[in-house]
N, C-alpha and C. Protein backbone atom coordinates (compact mmCIF):
# COMPACT_ATOMS: atom_id res chain seq x y z
N UNK A 1 48.96 -54.07 -55.28
CA UNK A 1 48.88 -53.63 -53.90
C UNK A 1 47.80 -54.43 -53.17
N UNK A 2 48.12 -54.96 -52.02
CA UNK A 2 47.16 -55.76 -51.26
C UNK A 2 46.15 -54.86 -50.56
N UNK A 3 44.91 -55.35 -50.53
CA UNK A 3 43.87 -54.61 -49.84
C UNK A 3 43.98 -54.88 -48.34
N UNK A 4 43.92 -53.82 -47.56
CA UNK A 4 43.99 -53.95 -46.10
C UNK A 4 42.60 -53.69 -45.53
N UNK A 5 42.10 -54.64 -44.76
CA UNK A 5 40.80 -54.45 -44.12
C UNK A 5 40.92 -53.49 -42.95
N UNK A 6 39.92 -52.69 -42.79
CA UNK A 6 39.87 -51.79 -41.64
C UNK A 6 39.37 -52.59 -40.45
N UNK A 7 39.87 -52.23 -39.28
CA UNK A 7 39.55 -52.97 -38.06
C UNK A 7 38.77 -52.08 -37.11
N UNK A 8 37.75 -52.66 -36.49
CA UNK A 8 36.89 -51.91 -35.56
C UNK A 8 36.83 -52.66 -34.24
N UNK A 9 36.99 -51.92 -33.15
CA UNK A 9 36.76 -52.45 -31.81
C UNK A 9 35.39 -51.97 -31.38
N UNK A 10 34.51 -52.92 -31.09
CA UNK A 10 33.14 -52.58 -30.74
C UNK A 10 32.83 -53.17 -29.36
N UNK A 11 32.29 -52.34 -28.46
CA UNK A 11 31.90 -52.78 -27.13
C UNK A 11 30.45 -52.35 -26.92
N UNK A 12 29.60 -53.34 -26.67
CA UNK A 12 28.17 -53.07 -26.46
C UNK A 12 27.61 -54.15 -25.56
N UNK A 13 26.90 -53.76 -24.53
CA UNK A 13 26.35 -54.74 -23.59
C UNK A 13 25.15 -55.49 -24.14
N UNK A 14 24.55 -54.97 -25.21
CA UNK A 14 23.40 -55.63 -25.84
C UNK A 14 23.90 -56.62 -26.89
N UNK A 15 23.86 -57.90 -26.57
CA UNK A 15 24.41 -58.92 -27.47
C UNK A 15 23.70 -58.95 -28.82
N UNK A 16 22.39 -58.78 -28.84
CA UNK A 16 21.65 -58.85 -30.10
C UNK A 16 22.02 -57.70 -31.03
N UNK A 17 22.07 -56.51 -30.49
CA UNK A 17 22.39 -55.33 -31.30
C UNK A 17 23.84 -55.39 -31.77
N UNK A 18 24.74 -55.69 -30.85
CA UNK A 18 26.16 -55.78 -31.20
C UNK A 18 26.43 -56.87 -32.23
N UNK A 19 25.77 -58.01 -32.07
CA UNK A 19 25.94 -59.10 -33.03
C UNK A 19 25.44 -58.73 -34.42
N UNK A 20 24.35 -57.98 -34.46
CA UNK A 20 23.81 -57.53 -35.74
C UNK A 20 24.78 -56.57 -36.43
N UNK A 21 25.29 -55.60 -35.68
CA UNK A 21 26.27 -54.67 -36.25
C UNK A 21 27.53 -55.40 -36.69
N UNK A 22 27.95 -56.37 -35.90
CA UNK A 22 29.14 -57.14 -36.24
C UNK A 22 28.96 -57.84 -37.59
N UNK A 23 27.83 -58.48 -37.78
CA UNK A 23 27.55 -59.18 -39.04
C UNK A 23 27.51 -58.22 -40.22
N UNK A 24 26.82 -57.12 -40.05
CA UNK A 24 26.71 -56.14 -41.14
C UNK A 24 28.08 -55.59 -41.53
N UNK A 25 28.85 -55.19 -40.52
CA UNK A 25 30.16 -54.60 -40.81
C UNK A 25 31.12 -55.62 -41.42
N UNK A 26 31.05 -56.87 -41.00
CA UNK A 26 31.88 -57.90 -41.60
C UNK A 26 31.53 -58.11 -43.07
N UNK A 27 30.25 -58.00 -43.38
CA UNK A 27 29.81 -58.12 -44.78
C UNK A 27 30.38 -56.99 -45.65
N UNK A 28 30.72 -55.86 -45.04
CA UNK A 28 31.31 -54.75 -45.76
C UNK A 28 32.83 -54.79 -45.73
N UNK A 29 33.41 -55.87 -45.20
CA UNK A 29 34.84 -56.07 -45.26
C UNK A 29 35.63 -55.62 -44.05
N UNK A 30 34.96 -55.25 -42.98
CA UNK A 30 35.66 -54.82 -41.78
C UNK A 30 36.01 -56.03 -40.92
N UNK A 31 37.14 -55.96 -40.24
CA UNK A 31 37.50 -56.94 -39.22
C UNK A 31 37.00 -56.38 -37.88
N UNK A 32 36.16 -57.15 -37.20
CA UNK A 32 35.51 -56.67 -35.98
C UNK A 32 36.02 -57.44 -34.77
N UNK A 33 36.40 -56.70 -33.74
CA UNK A 33 36.65 -57.27 -32.43
C UNK A 33 35.50 -56.80 -31.56
N UNK A 34 34.61 -57.73 -31.21
CA UNK A 34 33.37 -57.38 -30.51
C UNK A 34 33.37 -57.97 -29.11
N UNK A 35 33.07 -57.12 -28.13
CA UNK A 35 33.02 -57.53 -26.74
C UNK A 35 31.76 -56.99 -26.08
N UNK A 36 31.24 -57.74 -25.10
CA UNK A 36 30.11 -57.25 -24.32
C UNK A 36 30.58 -56.78 -22.94
N UNK A 37 31.82 -57.05 -22.61
CA UNK A 37 32.39 -56.67 -21.32
C UNK A 37 33.52 -55.67 -21.56
N UNK A 38 33.40 -54.42 -21.08
CA UNK A 38 34.42 -53.42 -21.32
C UNK A 38 35.81 -53.82 -20.81
N UNK A 39 35.86 -54.53 -19.70
CA UNK A 39 37.15 -54.95 -19.17
C UNK A 39 37.85 -55.94 -20.10
N UNK A 40 37.07 -56.81 -20.73
CA UNK A 40 37.65 -57.77 -21.68
C UNK A 40 38.14 -57.07 -22.94
N UNK A 41 37.51 -55.97 -23.31
CA UNK A 41 37.90 -55.25 -24.51
C UNK A 41 39.26 -54.61 -24.37
N UNK A 42 39.64 -54.28 -23.13
CA UNK A 42 40.93 -53.65 -22.90
C UNK A 42 42.01 -54.71 -22.88
């Protein structure tokens, strides 16, 4: 059975904080879609 990565949509206006969370979560095997602009996230 193939492993399926969980996917997270993250929107945060703070680039440093969001980038840090993105890196950490990717290290745990999550696929991250990260945006700093809420309109772009939609």
